[in-house]
Amino acid sequence: MQEFLAICDYFEITPEQFFYENNDSVNPTLLSGLIHEANKLSEEDLDLILVLIKKIISGYPRSK
């Protein structure tokens, strides 16, 4: 188990990101950075960002 966690640390991803299958187009380092910065925000700001993300997703077809 320690070896697995060391691998995750090396690639700067969480164990959850390692096993997540639907993130083919998502850079795990970028996603990790986004989550790290989002943890610094207030709940109100997080709600605003969530609304913005949902608006962006609903307005644009996702390219692969």
Protein backbone atom coordinates (compact mmCIF):
# COMPACT_ATOMS: atom_id res chain seq x y z
CA MET A 1 0.00 0.00 0.00
CA GLN A 2 2.84 2.40 0.79
CA GLU A 3 4.24 1.86 -2.71
CA PHE A 4 0.89 2.73 -4.26
CA LEU A 5 0.66 5.95 -2.25
CA ALA A 6 4.24 6.81 -3.24
CA ILE A 7 3.27 6.41 -6.91
CA CYS A 8 0.28 8.71 -6.41
CA ASP A 9 2.53 11.28 -4.71
CA TYR A 10 5.04 11.07 -7.55
CA PHE A 11 2.36 11.81 -10.15
CA GLU A 12 0.69 14.38 -7.88
CA ILE A 13 -2.66 12.62 -7.96
CA THR A 14 -4.93 11.23 -5.29
CA PRO A 15 -5.81 7.53 -5.05
CA GLU A 16 -9.33 8.49 -6.16
CA GLN A 17 -7.97 10.14 -9.30
CA PHE A 18 -5.85 7.05 -10.01
CA PHE A 19 -8.92 4.82 -10.16
CA TYR A 20 -11.31 7.31 -11.79
CA GLU A 21 -12.05 5.98 -15.27
CA ASN A 22 -13.99 8.85 -16.86
CA ASN A 23 -11.33 11.54 -16.83
CA ASP A 24 -9.55 10.75 -20.10
CA SER A 25 -9.47 14.40 -21.15
CA VAL A 26 -8.77 15.85 -17.70
CA ASN A 27 -5.23 16.64 -16.63
CA PRO A 28 -5.04 15.22 -13.08
CA THR A 29 -2.45 17.80 -12.01
CA LEU A 30 -4.67 20.62 -13.25
CA LEU A 31 -7.70 19.15 -11.50
CA SER A 32 -5.71 18.68 -8.29
CA GLY A 33 -4.57 22.32 -8.44
CA LEU A 34 -8.13 23.48 -8.97
CA ILE A 35 -9.34 21.53 -5.95
CA HIS A 36 -6.43 22.80 -3.85
CA GLU A 37 -7.26 26.42 -4.65
CA ALA A 38 -11.02 25.87 -4.27
CA ASN A 39 -10.45 24.70 -0.69
CA LYS A 40 -9.40 28.27 0.12
CA LEU A 41 -12.76 29.75 -0.94
CA SER A 42 -15.84 30.49 1.10
CA GLU A 43 -18.96 28.39 0.68
CA GLU A 44 -20.65 31.32 -1.05
CA ASP A 45 -17.81 31.62 -3.58
CA LEU A 46 -17.87 27.86 -4.19
CA ASP A 47 -21.60 28.08 -4.92
CA LEU A 48 -20.93 30.83 -7.48
CA ILE A 49 -18.21 28.80 -9.17
CA LEU A 50 -20.46 25.74 -9.30
CA VAL A 51 -23.18 27.78 -11.01
CA LEU A 52 -20.62 29.08 -13.51
CA ILE A 53 -19.28 25.59 -14.27
CA LYS A 54 -22.80 24.22 -14.80
CA LYS A 55 -23.60 27.14 -17.12
CA ILE A 56 -20.45 26.55 -19.16
CA ILE A 57 -21.13 22.80 -19.43
CA SER A 58 -24.75 23.28 -20.49
CA GLY A 59 -23.86 25.90 -23.11
CA TYR A 60 -21.07 24.11 -24.89
CA PRO A 61 -20.83 20.60 -26.26
CA ARG A 62 -17.82 18.85 -24.78
CA SER A 63 -15.19 18.00 -27.34
CA LYS A 64 -13.09 14.85 -27.08
